[in-house]
Amino acid sequence: MADTINNTPGTQTPATTITPIGGQSSSASAARTARDQSPAGDKNWGKSTMENLEQTAKKGAEKGAEVIEKAKENLGEAYDRASRGVTETYGQAVDYTRSNPGTATLVAFGAGVGIGLLIANSVTSRSRTQRIVPPVMRALSEIAGELFR
């Protein structure tokens, strides 16, 4: 009995079978067709394309390495400049402190009071801070103004 397919109840149609050309599978013939249609039928077409891809990847990697190296150099130079600036400023602060110990002590005291008030502001109620901060800041400003004249 022949193979049949049921489309609707009560009817049957014969099944169609696809036979490969020349007794080969359809995937083998598709591969042969693709190979035959490659540029100029060149059997090394895929190989040369792979080599081009490898060369392009190598060029990209070299360019990336150059960019990274340049970035490292720029970052190193920026770090050196910043380090020299901080060292110089620190040296100036130490020299000023040694030549003016009283002024430096009062500035440090004022900075400590200011930071303490800021911390207290975040912990305590605003009404107490509003009563205390303005007179203390005025007094510190006047002291600092007298010291630096």
N, C-alpha and C. Protein backbone atom coordinates (compact mmCIF):
# COMPACT_ATOMS: atom_id res chain seq x y z
N MET A 1 0.85 -1.17 0.00
CA MET A 1 0.00 0.00 0.00
C MET A 1 0.89 1.23 0.00
N ALA A 2 0.52 2.25 -0.73
CA ALA A 2 1.30 3.47 -0.88
C ALA A 2 1.10 4.35 0.33
N ASP A 3 2.14 5.17 0.65
CA ASP A 3 2.02 6.12 1.77
C ASP A 3 0.98 7.15 1.42
N THR A 4 0.13 7.48 2.41
CA THR A 4 -0.90 8.48 2.18
C THR A 4 -0.93 9.46 3.33
N ILE A 5 -1.45 10.65 3.09
CA ILE A 5 -1.59 11.69 4.10
C ILE A 5 -3.06 12.01 4.23
N ASN A 6 -3.54 12.09 5.45
CA ASN A 6 -4.93 12.47 5.70
C ASN A 6 -5.03 13.98 5.78
N ASN A 7 -5.67 14.60 4.78
CA ASN A 7 -5.88 16.04 4.82
C ASN A 7 -7.15 16.36 5.59
N THR A 8 -8.20 15.68 5.26
CA THR A 8 -9.48 15.86 5.94
C THR A 8 -10.05 14.49 6.23
N PRO A 9 -10.95 14.42 7.19
CA PRO A 9 -11.51 13.10 7.49
C PRO A 9 -12.19 12.49 6.27
N GLY A 10 -11.86 11.30 5.99
CA GLY A 10 -12.50 10.56 4.91
C GLY A 10 -11.79 10.67 3.58
N THR A 11 -10.75 11.54 3.45
CA THR A 11 -10.02 11.66 2.18
C THR A 11 -8.55 11.37 2.42
N GLN A 12 -7.90 10.84 1.42
CA GLN A 12 -6.48 10.53 1.52
C GLN A 12 -5.80 10.94 0.22
N THR A 13 -4.59 11.50 0.38
CA THR A 13 -3.81 11.86 -0.80
C THR A 13 -2.46 11.18 -0.70
N PRO A 14 -1.86 10.81 -1.82
CA PRO A 14 -0.57 10.14 -1.78
C PRO A 14 0.51 11.10 -1.27
N ALA A 15 1.45 10.60 -0.47
CA ALA A 15 2.56 11.41 0.06
C ALA A 15 3.61 11.59 -1.03
N THR A 16 4.27 12.76 -1.04
CA THR A 16 5.30 13.04 -2.03
C THR A 16 6.66 12.82 -1.38
N THR A 17 7.53 12.16 -2.06
CA THR A 17 8.87 11.88 -1.55
C THR A 17 9.86 12.63 -2.42
N ILE A 18 10.84 13.35 -1.76
CA ILE A 18 11.86 14.08 -2.51
C ILE A 18 13.06 13.16 -2.62
N THR A 19 13.48 12.97 -3.85
CA THR A 19 14.63 12.11 -4.11
C THR A 19 15.81 12.99 -4.48
N PRO A 20 16.95 12.84 -3.80
CA PRO A 20 18.12 13.66 -4.12
C PRO A 20 18.61 13.39 -5.53
N ILE A 21 19.17 14.44 -6.14
CA ILE A 21 19.70 14.32 -7.50
C ILE A 21 20.99 13.51 -7.44
N GLY A 22 21.09 12.57 -8.30
CA GLY A 22 22.30 11.75 -8.38
C GLY A 22 22.51 10.89 -7.16
N GLY A 23 21.49 10.67 -6.34
CA GLY A 23 21.61 9.82 -5.19
C GLY A 23 22.33 10.47 -4.02
N GLN A 24 22.60 11.79 -4.06
CA GLN A 24 23.28 12.48 -2.97
C GLN A 24 22.26 13.22 -2.14
N SER A 25 22.63 13.51 -0.89
CA SER A 25 21.72 14.26 -0.03
C SER A 25 21.64 15.70 -0.50
N SER A 26 20.57 16.40 -0.11
CA SER A 26 20.38 17.78 -0.54
C SER A 26 21.40 18.71 0.11
N SER A 27 21.89 18.42 1.33
CA SER A 27 22.88 19.29 1.97
C SER A 27 24.22 19.20 1.25
N ALA A 28 24.59 18.03 0.74
CA ALA A 28 25.84 17.88 0.01
C ALA A 28 25.77 18.65 -1.30
N SER A 29 24.62 18.58 -1.97
CA SER A 29 24.51 19.31 -3.23
C SER A 29 24.48 20.82 -2.97
N ALA A 30 23.91 21.27 -1.85
CA ALA A 30 23.91 22.69 -1.52
C ALA A 30 25.32 23.17 -1.23
N ALA A 31 26.12 22.37 -0.55
CA ALA A 31 27.51 22.72 -0.27
C ALA A 31 28.31 22.81 -1.56
N ARG A 32 28.08 21.85 -2.47
CA ARG A 32 28.79 21.87 -3.75
C ARG A 32 28.38 23.09 -4.55
N THR A 33 27.11 23.45 -4.54
CA THR A 33 26.63 24.62 -5.26
C THR A 33 27.26 25.89 -4.70
N ALA A 34 27.33 26.00 -3.36
CA ALA A 34 27.94 27.18 -2.73
C ALA A 34 29.42 27.27 -3.09
N ARG A 35 30.10 26.13 -3.09
CA ARG A 35 31.52 26.12 -3.43
C ARG A 35 31.71 26.51 -4.89
N ASP A 36 30.83 26.02 -5.76
CA ASP A 36 30.95 26.34 -7.18
C ASP A 36 30.65 27.81 -7.45
N GLN A 37 29.83 28.44 -6.60
CA GLN A 37 29.47 29.83 -6.81
C GLN A 37 30.40 30.80 -6.09
N SER A 38 31.41 30.31 -5.41
CA SER A 38 32.36 31.19 -4.74
C SER A 38 33.12 31.97 -5.82
N PRO A 39 33.75 33.11 -5.44
CA PRO A 39 34.42 33.93 -6.45
C PRO A 39 35.37 33.13 -7.32
N ALA A 40 35.10 33.15 -8.60
CA ALA A 40 35.93 32.48 -9.62
C ALA A 40 36.11 31.00 -9.34
N GLY A 41 35.19 30.41 -8.57
CA GLY A 41 35.28 28.99 -8.29
C GLY A 41 36.53 28.64 -7.50
N ASP A 42 37.10 29.61 -6.81
CA ASP A 42 38.35 29.43 -6.06
C ASP A 42 38.09 28.56 -4.84
N LYS A 43 38.80 27.45 -4.76
CA LYS A 43 38.61 26.56 -3.62
C LYS A 43 39.28 27.11 -2.37
N ASN A 44 40.19 28.08 -2.50
CA ASN A 44 40.86 28.70 -1.37
C ASN A 44 40.19 30.00 -0.95
N TRP A 45 39.01 30.26 -1.49
CA TRP A 45 38.30 31.50 -1.20
C TRP A 45 38.07 31.67 0.31
N GLY A 46 37.57 30.67 0.97
CA GLY A 46 37.33 30.74 2.41
C GLY A 46 38.63 30.92 3.19
N LYS A 47 39.69 30.29 2.71
CA LYS A 47 40.99 30.39 3.38
C LYS A 47 41.54 31.81 3.27
N SER A 48 41.46 32.42 2.07
CA SER A 48 41.97 33.78 1.90
C SER A 48 41.12 34.77 2.69
N THR A 49 39.83 34.53 2.78
CA THR A 49 38.96 35.40 3.57
C THR A 49 39.33 35.30 5.04
N MET A 50 39.63 34.11 5.51
CA MET A 50 40.04 33.90 6.90
C MET A 50 41.37 34.60 7.17
N GLU A 51 42.30 34.52 6.22
CA GLU A 51 43.58 35.20 6.38
C GLU A 51 43.39 36.71 6.44
N ASN A 52 42.51 37.25 5.59
CA ASN A 52 42.21 38.69 5.62
C ASN A 52 41.61 39.07 6.97
N LEU A 53 40.74 38.25 7.46
CA LEU A 53 40.11 38.52 8.75
C LEU A 53 41.15 38.50 9.87
N GLU A 54 42.07 37.55 9.82
CA GLU A 54 43.14 37.47 10.83
C GLU A 54 44.04 38.69 10.76
N GLN A 55 44.38 39.13 9.54
CA GLN A 55 45.23 40.31 9.38
C GLN A 55 44.53 41.55 9.93
N THR A 56 43.25 41.69 9.64
CA THR A 56 42.48 42.83 10.15
C THR A 56 42.41 42.80 11.66
N ALA A 57 42.22 41.63 12.24
CA ALA A 57 42.18 41.50 13.70
C ALA A 57 43.53 41.86 14.31
N LYS A 58 44.63 41.43 13.67
CA LYS A 58 45.96 41.77 14.17
C LYS A 58 46.20 43.27 14.12
N LYS A 59 45.81 43.90 13.03
CA LYS A 59 45.96 45.35 12.90
C LYS A 59 45.15 46.07 13.98
N GLY A 60 43.93 45.60 14.20
CA GLY A 60 43.08 46.19 15.24
C GLY A 60 43.69 46.02 16.62
N ALA A 61 44.24 44.86 16.89
CA ALA A 61 44.87 44.61 18.19
C ALA A 61 46.10 45.50 18.37
N GLU A 62 46.89 45.66 17.30
CA GLU A 62 48.07 46.54 17.39
C GLU A 62 47.65 47.98 17.65
N LYS A 63 46.62 48.44 16.95
CA LYS A 63 46.14 49.80 17.14
C LYS A 63 45.59 49.98 18.55
N GLY A 64 44.86 48.98 19.05
CA GLY A 64 44.36 49.04 20.41
C GLY A 64 45.48 49.09 21.43
N ALA A 65 46.54 48.32 21.20
CA ALA A 65 47.69 48.33 22.11
C ALA A 65 48.36 49.70 22.11
N GLU A 66 48.46 50.32 20.92
CA GLU A 66 49.04 51.66 20.83
C GLU A 66 48.21 52.68 21.61
N VAL A 67 46.89 52.60 21.47
CA VAL A 67 46.00 53.53 22.17
C VAL A 67 46.13 53.34 23.68
N ILE A 68 46.17 52.10 24.12
CA ILE A 68 46.30 51.82 25.55
C ILE A 68 47.64 52.34 26.07
N GLU A 69 48.70 52.14 25.31
CA GLU A 69 50.02 52.62 25.73
C GLU A 69 50.04 54.13 25.84
N LYS A 70 49.44 54.82 24.87
CA LYS A 70 49.37 56.28 24.90
C LYS A 70 48.56 56.76 26.10
N ALA A 71 47.46 56.07 26.39
CA ALA A 71 46.64 56.43 27.55
C ALA A 71 47.44 56.24 28.85
N LYS A 72 48.22 55.17 28.94
CA LYS A 72 49.06 54.94 30.12
C LYS A 72 50.06 56.07 30.30
N GLU A 73 50.68 56.49 29.19
CA GLU A 73 51.66 57.58 29.26
C GLU A 73 50.99 58.87 29.73
N ASN A 74 49.83 59.19 29.15
CA ASN A 74 49.12 60.41 29.53
C ASN A 74 48.69 60.37 30.99
N LEU A 75 48.21 59.23 31.43
CA LEU A 75 47.79 59.08 32.82
C LEU A 75 48.98 59.22 33.76
N GLY A 76 50.11 58.64 33.40
CA GLY A 76 51.31 58.76 34.21
C GLY A 76 51.77 60.21 34.32
N GLU A 77 51.73 60.93 33.19
CA GLU A 77 52.12 62.34 33.21
C GLU A 77 51.17 63.17 34.09
N ALA A 78 49.87 62.92 33.97
CA ALA A 78 48.90 63.65 34.79
C ALA A 78 49.10 63.34 36.27
N TYR A 79 49.38 62.09 36.60
CA TYR A 79 49.63 61.71 37.98
C TYR A 79 50.87 62.42 38.53
N ASP A 80 51.92 62.47 37.72
CA ASP A 80 53.15 63.15 38.14
C ASP A 80 52.91 64.64 38.39
N ARG A 81 52.17 65.30 37.49
CA ARG A 81 51.87 66.73 37.67
C ARG A 81 51.05 66.95 38.94
N ALA A 82 50.03 66.12 39.15
CA ALA A 82 49.20 66.27 40.35
C ALA A 82 50.02 66.01 41.61
N SER A 83 50.86 65.01 41.57
CA SER A 83 51.70 64.69 42.72
C SER A 83 52.64 65.84 43.06
N ARG A 84 53.27 66.43 42.03
CA ARG A 84 54.15 67.58 42.26
C ARG A 84 53.37 68.75 42.85
N GLY A 85 52.15 69.00 42.33
CA GLY A 85 51.34 70.11 42.84
C GLY A 85 50.95 69.92 44.29
N VAL A 86 50.53 68.71 44.65
CA VAL A 86 50.14 68.43 46.03
C VAL A 86 51.34 68.54 46.95
N THR A 87 52.49 68.02 46.53
CA THR A 87 53.70 68.09 47.35
C THR A 87 54.12 69.54 47.57
N GLU A 88 54.05 70.33 46.51
CA GLU A 88 54.41 71.75 46.62
C GLU A 88 53.47 72.49 47.57
N THR A 89 52.18 72.26 47.43
CA THR A 89 51.19 72.91 48.29
C THR A 89 51.37 72.48 49.74
N TYR A 90 51.62 71.21 49.96
CA TYR A 90 51.84 70.71 51.31
C TYR A 90 53.08 71.37 51.92
N GLY A 91 54.12 71.50 51.13
CA GLY A 91 55.34 72.15 51.60
C GLY A 91 55.08 73.61 51.99
N GLN A 92 54.28 74.30 51.19
CA GLN A 92 53.93 75.69 51.51
C GLN A 92 53.13 75.76 52.81
N ALA A 93 52.19 74.83 53.00
CA ALA A 93 51.39 74.83 54.23
C ALA A 93 52.27 74.57 55.45
N VAL A 94 53.22 73.66 55.34
CA VAL A 94 54.12 73.36 56.45
C VAL A 94 55.00 74.57 56.76
N ASP A 95 55.52 75.22 55.73
CA ASP A 95 56.35 76.42 55.93
C ASP A 95 55.54 77.53 56.61
N TYR A 96 54.30 77.75 56.15
CA TYR A 96 53.46 78.79 56.76
C TYR A 96 53.18 78.47 58.23
N THR A 97 52.90 77.19 58.51
CA THR A 97 52.61 76.78 59.88
C THR A 97 53.82 76.99 60.78
N ARG A 98 55.00 76.73 60.29
CA ARG A 98 56.22 76.91 61.08
C ARG A 98 56.50 78.40 61.33
N SER A 99 56.21 79.24 60.34
CA SER A 99 56.48 80.67 60.51
C SER A 99 55.36 81.40 61.25
N ASN A 100 54.14 80.86 61.28
CA ASN A 100 52.99 81.48 61.96
C ASN A 100 52.23 80.44 62.77
N PRO A 101 52.80 79.95 63.87
CA PRO A 101 52.14 78.88 64.62
C PRO A 101 50.82 79.31 65.26
N GLY A 102 50.72 80.52 65.73
CA GLY A 102 49.48 80.98 66.37
C GLY A 102 48.33 81.05 65.38
N THR A 103 48.60 81.62 64.22
CA THR A 103 47.58 81.74 63.18
C THR A 103 47.14 80.35 62.72
N ALA A 104 48.09 79.48 62.52
CA ALA A 104 47.76 78.13 62.08
C ALA A 104 46.91 77.40 63.10
N THR A 105 47.21 77.61 64.39
CA THR A 105 46.43 76.97 65.45
C THR A 105 45.00 77.48 65.45
N LEU A 106 44.83 78.79 65.30
CA LEU A 106 43.47 79.36 65.28
C LEU A 106 42.70 78.93 64.03
N VAL A 107 43.36 78.85 62.91
CA VAL A 107 42.69 78.37 61.69
C VAL A 107 42.25 76.93 61.87
N ALA A 108 43.11 76.11 62.44
CA ALA A 108 42.74 74.70 62.68
C ALA A 108 41.59 74.62 63.67
N PHE A 109 41.62 75.46 64.72
CA PHE A 109 40.52 75.48 65.70
C PHE A 109 39.22 75.89 65.01
N GLY A 110 39.28 76.94 64.19
CA GLY A 110 38.08 77.39 63.48
C GLY A 110 37.53 76.34 62.54
N ALA A 111 38.41 75.66 61.84
CA ALA A 111 37.98 74.58 60.94
C ALA A 111 37.33 73.45 61.73
N GLY A 112 37.90 73.13 62.88
CA GLY A 112 37.31 72.09 63.73
C GLY A 112 35.94 72.48 64.24
N VAL A 113 35.78 73.74 64.67
CA VAL A 113 34.47 74.20 65.13
C VAL A 113 33.47 74.17 63.98
N GLY A 114 33.90 74.63 62.82
CA GLY A 114 32.99 74.62 61.66
C GLY A 114 32.54 73.22 61.28
N ILE A 115 33.47 72.30 61.24
CA ILE A 115 33.12 70.91 60.91
C ILE A 115 32.23 70.32 61.99
N GLY A 116 32.54 70.65 63.25
CA GLY A 116 31.70 70.17 64.36
C GLY A 116 30.27 70.69 64.25
N LEU A 117 30.14 71.95 63.87
CA LEU A 117 28.79 72.52 63.71
C LEU A 117 28.04 71.87 62.55
N LEU A 118 28.75 71.58 61.49
CA LEU A 118 28.10 70.90 60.36
C LEU A 118 27.62 69.52 60.76
N ILE A 119 28.44 68.81 61.50
CA ILE A 119 28.04 67.47 61.96
C ILE A 119 26.88 67.58 62.94
N ALA A 120 26.95 68.56 63.84
CA ALA A 120 25.86 68.74 64.80
C ALA A 120 24.57 69.11 64.08
N ASN A 121 24.68 69.84 63.01
CA ASN A 121 23.49 70.23 62.24
C ASN A 121 22.78 69.00 61.69
N SER A 122 23.51 68.01 61.30
CA SER A 122 22.88 66.81 60.76
C SER A 122 22.29 65.92 61.85
N VAL A 123 22.72 66.10 63.09
CA VAL A 123 22.26 65.25 64.18
C VAL A 123 21.15 65.91 65.00
N THR A 124 21.29 67.19 65.32
CA THR A 124 20.34 67.87 66.21
C THR A 124 19.29 68.63 65.45
N SER A 125 18.38 69.24 66.20
CA SER A 125 17.29 69.98 65.57
C SER A 125 17.81 71.27 64.96
N ARG A 126 17.09 71.81 64.02
CA ARG A 126 17.51 73.01 63.31
C ARG A 126 17.38 74.26 64.17
N SER A 127 16.44 74.28 65.09
CA SER A 127 16.22 75.51 65.86
C SER A 127 17.46 75.83 66.73
N ARG A 128 18.05 74.83 67.37
CA ARG A 128 19.23 75.07 68.18
C ARG A 128 20.40 75.50 67.29
N THR A 129 20.55 74.86 66.16
CA THR A 129 21.62 75.19 65.24
C THR A 129 21.45 76.61 64.71
N GLN A 130 20.23 76.98 64.42
CA GLN A 130 19.99 78.33 63.91
C GLN A 130 20.31 79.38 64.97
N ARG A 131 20.20 79.04 66.22
CA ARG A 131 20.53 79.99 67.28
C ARG A 131 22.03 80.08 67.53
N ILE A 132 22.76 78.99 67.35
CA ILE A 132 24.17 78.95 67.72
C ILE A 132 25.10 79.27 66.56
N VAL A 133 24.83 78.79 65.39
CA VAL A 133 25.75 78.89 64.27
C VAL A 133 26.05 80.33 63.85
N PRO A 134 25.06 81.19 63.63
CA PRO A 134 25.39 82.55 63.14
C PRO A 134 26.33 83.34 64.06
N PRO A 135 26.12 83.38 65.38
CA PRO A 135 27.07 84.15 66.19
C PRO A 135 28.47 83.54 66.21
N VAL A 136 28.57 82.21 66.23
CA VAL A 136 29.87 81.57 66.24
C VAL A 136 30.59 81.83 64.93
N MET A 137 29.90 81.73 63.83
CA MET A 137 30.53 81.97 62.53
C MET A 137 30.96 83.43 62.40
N ARG A 138 30.15 84.37 62.90
CA ARG A 138 30.54 85.79 62.88
C ARG A 138 31.81 86.00 63.69
N ALA A 139 31.85 85.41 64.87
CA ALA A 139 33.02 85.56 65.74
C ALA A 139 34.28 84.98 65.09
N LEU A 140 34.13 83.79 64.49
CA LEU A 140 35.28 83.18 63.81
C LEU A 140 35.73 84.01 62.61
N SER A 141 34.79 84.59 61.90
CA SER A 141 35.13 85.43 60.75
C SER A 141 35.89 86.67 61.21
N GLU A 142 35.44 87.26 62.32
CA GLU A 142 36.14 88.45 62.83
C GLU A 142 37.55 88.10 63.30
N ILE A 143 37.71 86.97 63.97
CA ILE A 143 39.03 86.54 64.43
C ILE A 143 39.95 86.30 63.24
N ALA A 144 39.44 85.62 62.25
CA ALA A 144 40.25 85.33 61.07
C ALA A 144 40.62 86.64 60.35
N GLY A 145 39.67 87.56 60.27
CA GLY A 145 39.94 88.84 59.63
C GLY A 145 41.03 89.63 60.36
N GLU A 146 41.00 89.59 61.67
CA GLU A 146 42.03 90.30 62.47
C GLU A 146 43.40 89.64 62.31
N LEU A 147 43.42 88.32 62.22
CA LEU A 147 44.70 87.62 62.11
C LEU A 147 45.38 87.83 60.77
N PHE A 148 44.60 87.94 59.72
CA PHE A 148 45.18 88.01 58.38
C PHE A 148 45.38 89.44 57.88
N ARG A 149 45.18 90.46 58.74
CA ARG A 149 45.42 91.87 58.31
C ARG A 149 46.84 92.21 58.39
